[in-house]
Amino acid sequence: MDARKLCTCKDTACPCHPSNHDQGCTLCIAKNRKQGEIPACFFNEVGRPEGMKDYFYHDFAECVRLKEQQK
């Protein structure tokens, strides 16, 4: 599967974005793991509230909690 077509991250200026190299999602995942974060594509899947600035695990958990409340 072509990561450039799969990726939902809008930050195409990021050097780790799959459109900027030939290593797929590997660089993005490695960068996020090192920083204790979750890639933007996961946030895009569950919906990220406007104004949320960080990508840490607890931020993602909050996004999931908010989505579950909307059901």
N, C-alpha and C. Protein backbone atom coordinates (compact mmCIF):
# COMPACT_ATOMS: atom_id res chain seq x y z
N MET A 1 0.85 -1.18 0.00
CA MET A 1 0.00 0.00 0.00
C MET A 1 0.89 1.24 0.00
N ASP A 2 0.52 2.23 -0.76
CA ASP A 2 1.28 3.48 -0.88
C ASP A 2 0.93 4.40 0.28
N ALA A 3 1.88 4.62 1.18
CA ALA A 3 1.64 5.46 2.37
C ALA A 3 1.25 6.88 2.00
N ARG A 4 1.71 7.36 0.86
CA ARG A 4 1.35 8.73 0.45
C ARG A 4 -0.13 8.86 0.22
N LYS A 5 -0.78 7.81 -0.22
CA LYS A 5 -2.24 7.83 -0.44
C LYS A 5 -2.99 7.56 0.86
N LEU A 6 -2.37 6.80 1.75
CA LEU A 6 -3.00 6.43 3.02
C LEU A 6 -2.95 7.56 4.05
N CYS A 7 -1.87 8.33 4.04
CA CYS A 7 -1.63 9.35 5.06
C CYS A 7 -2.69 10.46 5.02
N THR A 8 -3.24 10.78 6.19
CA THR A 8 -4.24 11.86 6.28
C THR A 8 -3.67 13.11 6.93
N CYS A 9 -2.38 13.10 7.24
CA CYS A 9 -1.74 14.26 7.87
C CYS A 9 -1.67 15.41 6.87
N LYS A 10 -2.02 16.58 7.33
CA LYS A 10 -2.03 17.77 6.47
C LYS A 10 -0.68 18.50 6.47
N ASP A 11 0.23 18.11 7.36
CA ASP A 11 1.53 18.79 7.49
C ASP A 11 2.53 18.21 6.49
N THR A 12 2.33 18.53 5.22
CA THR A 12 3.21 17.99 4.18
C THR A 12 4.59 18.64 4.20
N ALA A 13 4.78 19.69 4.98
CA ALA A 13 6.11 20.30 5.11
C ALA A 13 6.99 19.52 6.08
N CYS A 14 6.39 18.65 6.87
CA CYS A 14 7.14 17.83 7.83
C CYS A 14 8.07 16.89 7.06
N PRO A 15 9.34 16.84 7.43
CA PRO A 15 10.26 15.94 6.72
C PRO A 15 9.90 14.47 6.89
N CYS A 16 9.09 14.13 7.89
CA CYS A 16 8.69 12.74 8.11
C CYS A 16 7.44 12.34 7.34
N HIS A 17 6.77 13.32 6.72
CA HIS A 17 5.56 13.03 5.95
C HIS A 17 5.92 12.11 4.78
N PRO A 18 5.12 11.07 4.54
CA PRO A 18 5.44 10.10 3.48
C PRO A 18 5.63 10.70 2.09
N SER A 19 5.11 11.88 1.86
CA SER A 19 5.30 12.50 0.54
C SER A 19 6.71 13.05 0.36
N ASN A 20 7.50 13.07 1.43
CA ASN A 20 8.83 13.67 1.37
C ASN A 20 9.98 12.66 1.37
N HIS A 21 9.67 11.37 1.31
CA HIS A 21 10.72 10.34 1.30
C HIS A 21 10.10 9.03 0.83
N ASP A 22 10.89 7.99 0.78
CA ASP A 22 10.39 6.70 0.29
C ASP A 22 10.31 5.63 1.37
N GLN A 23 10.17 6.03 2.63
CA GLN A 23 10.14 5.07 3.73
C GLN A 23 8.75 4.90 4.34
N GLY A 24 7.73 5.33 3.65
CA GLY A 24 6.37 5.16 4.14
C GLY A 24 6.12 5.88 5.45
N CYS A 25 5.47 5.21 6.37
CA CYS A 25 5.11 5.80 7.67
C CYS A 25 6.21 5.64 8.72
N THR A 26 7.26 4.92 8.39
CA THR A 26 8.30 4.57 9.36
C THR A 26 8.89 5.78 10.06
N LEU A 27 9.28 6.82 9.33
CA LEU A 27 9.91 7.99 9.94
C LEU A 27 8.95 8.73 10.86
N CYS A 28 7.71 8.84 10.45
CA CYS A 28 6.70 9.53 11.26
C CYS A 28 6.46 8.78 12.56
N ILE A 29 6.28 7.47 12.46
CA ILE A 29 6.03 6.67 13.65
C ILE A 29 7.22 6.72 14.60
N ALA A 30 8.43 6.62 14.06
CA ALA A 30 9.63 6.66 14.89
C ALA A 30 9.75 8.00 15.62
N LYS A 31 9.49 9.09 14.91
CA LYS A 31 9.55 10.43 15.51
C LYS A 31 8.53 10.56 16.63
N ASN A 32 7.30 10.12 16.37
CA ASN A 32 6.24 10.23 17.36
C ASN A 32 6.51 9.35 18.58
N ARG A 33 6.99 8.16 18.38
CA ARG A 33 7.31 7.28 19.51
C ARG A 33 8.39 7.90 20.38
N LYS A 34 9.38 8.47 19.75
CA LYS A 34 10.48 9.10 20.50
C LYS A 34 9.97 10.26 21.35
N GLN A 35 8.98 10.98 20.84
CA GLN A 35 8.45 12.16 21.55
C GLN A 35 7.27 11.82 22.45
N GLY A 36 6.90 10.54 22.53
CA GLY A 36 5.77 10.14 23.36
C GLY A 36 4.44 10.61 22.80
N GLU A 37 4.36 10.67 21.48
CA GLU A 37 3.16 11.16 20.81
C GLU A 37 2.56 10.08 19.92
N ILE A 38 1.38 10.38 19.41
CA ILE A 38 0.67 9.52 18.47
C ILE A 38 0.57 10.28 17.15
N PRO A 39 0.80 9.61 16.02
CA PRO A 39 0.74 10.29 14.72
C PRO A 39 -0.62 10.97 14.47
N ALA A 40 -0.57 12.04 13.73
CA ALA A 40 -1.77 12.84 13.42
C ALA A 40 -2.87 12.02 12.76
N CYS A 41 -2.50 11.01 11.97
CA CYS A 41 -3.52 10.23 11.27
C CYS A 41 -4.48 9.55 12.25
N PHE A 42 -4.00 9.18 13.44
CA PHE A 42 -4.89 8.57 14.44
C PHE A 42 -5.88 9.61 14.95
N PHE A 43 -5.41 10.82 15.19
CA PHE A 43 -6.30 11.91 15.63
C PHE A 43 -7.32 12.21 14.54
N ASN A 44 -6.88 12.22 13.29
CA ASN A 44 -7.79 12.50 12.18
C ASN A 44 -8.89 11.46 12.09
N GLU A 45 -8.59 10.24 12.46
CA GLU A 45 -9.57 9.14 12.40
C GLU A 45 -10.68 9.33 13.43
N VAL A 46 -10.35 9.79 14.62
CA VAL A 46 -11.38 9.92 15.67
C VAL A 46 -11.94 11.34 15.77
N GLY A 47 -11.28 12.29 15.14
CA GLY A 47 -11.73 13.68 15.20
C GLY A 47 -11.01 14.42 16.31
N ARG A 48 -10.34 15.45 15.94
CA ARG A 48 -9.55 16.23 16.89
C ARG A 48 -10.25 17.55 17.14
N PRO A 49 -10.59 17.85 18.38
CA PRO A 49 -11.30 19.11 18.67
C PRO A 49 -10.47 20.32 18.27
N GLU A 50 -11.15 21.32 17.78
CA GLU A 50 -10.49 22.57 17.42
C GLU A 50 -9.83 23.15 18.67
N GLY A 51 -8.64 23.62 18.52
CA GLY A 51 -7.92 24.20 19.64
C GLY A 51 -6.97 23.25 20.34
N MET A 52 -7.13 21.94 20.11
CA MET A 52 -6.20 20.98 20.71
C MET A 52 -4.88 21.10 19.96
N LYS A 53 -3.80 21.29 20.72
CA LYS A 53 -2.52 21.58 20.09
C LYS A 53 -1.52 20.43 20.15
N ASP A 54 -1.68 19.53 21.10
CA ASP A 54 -0.68 18.49 21.30
C ASP A 54 -1.14 17.14 20.76
N TYR A 55 -0.18 16.24 20.64
CA TYR A 55 -0.44 14.91 20.10
C TYR A 55 -0.02 13.81 21.08
N PHE A 56 -0.04 14.10 22.36
CA PHE A 56 0.38 13.13 23.36
C PHE A 56 -0.70 12.06 23.56
N TYR A 57 -0.31 10.95 24.19
CA TYR A 57 -1.23 9.84 24.43
C TYR A 57 -2.50 10.30 25.13
N HIS A 58 -2.34 11.12 26.17
CA HIS A 58 -3.53 11.55 26.92
C HIS A 58 -4.43 12.45 26.07
N ASP A 59 -3.85 13.17 25.11
CA ASP A 59 -4.68 13.98 24.20
C ASP A 59 -5.52 13.08 23.30
N PHE A 60 -4.89 11.99 22.82
CA PHE A 60 -5.62 11.05 21.98
C PHE A 60 -6.73 10.38 22.78
N ALA A 61 -6.42 10.00 24.01
CA ALA A 61 -7.44 9.38 24.86
C ALA A 61 -8.62 10.32 25.05
N GLU A 62 -8.35 11.59 25.21
CA GLU A 62 -9.43 12.58 25.35
C GLU A 62 -10.26 12.65 24.07
N CYS A 63 -9.63 12.60 22.92
CA CYS A 63 -10.36 12.62 21.65
C CYS A 63 -11.28 11.41 21.54
N VAL A 64 -10.78 10.25 21.91
CA VAL A 64 -11.59 9.03 21.87
C VAL A 64 -12.76 9.15 22.85
N ARG A 65 -12.49 9.64 24.05
CA ARG A 65 -13.56 9.82 25.05
C ARG A 65 -14.65 10.74 24.52
N LEU A 66 -14.25 11.85 23.91
CA LEU A 66 -15.22 12.81 23.37
C LEU A 66 -16.04 12.19 22.24
N LYS A 67 -15.38 11.40 21.40
CA LYS A 67 -16.11 10.75 20.30
C LYS A 67 -17.13 9.77 20.84
N GLU A 68 -16.74 9.02 21.86
CA GLU A 68 -17.65 8.04 22.47
C GLU A 68 -18.86 8.72 23.11
N GLN A 69 -18.67 9.90 23.67
CA GLN A 69 -19.76 10.65 24.28
C GLN A 69 -20.77 11.11 23.23
N GLN A 70 -20.31 11.31 22.02
CA GLN A 70 -21.18 11.80 20.94
C GLN A 70 -22.10 10.72 20.40
N LYS A 71 -21.82 9.46 20.71
CA LYS A 71 -22.65 8.35 20.19
C LYS A 71 -23.99 8.29 20.88
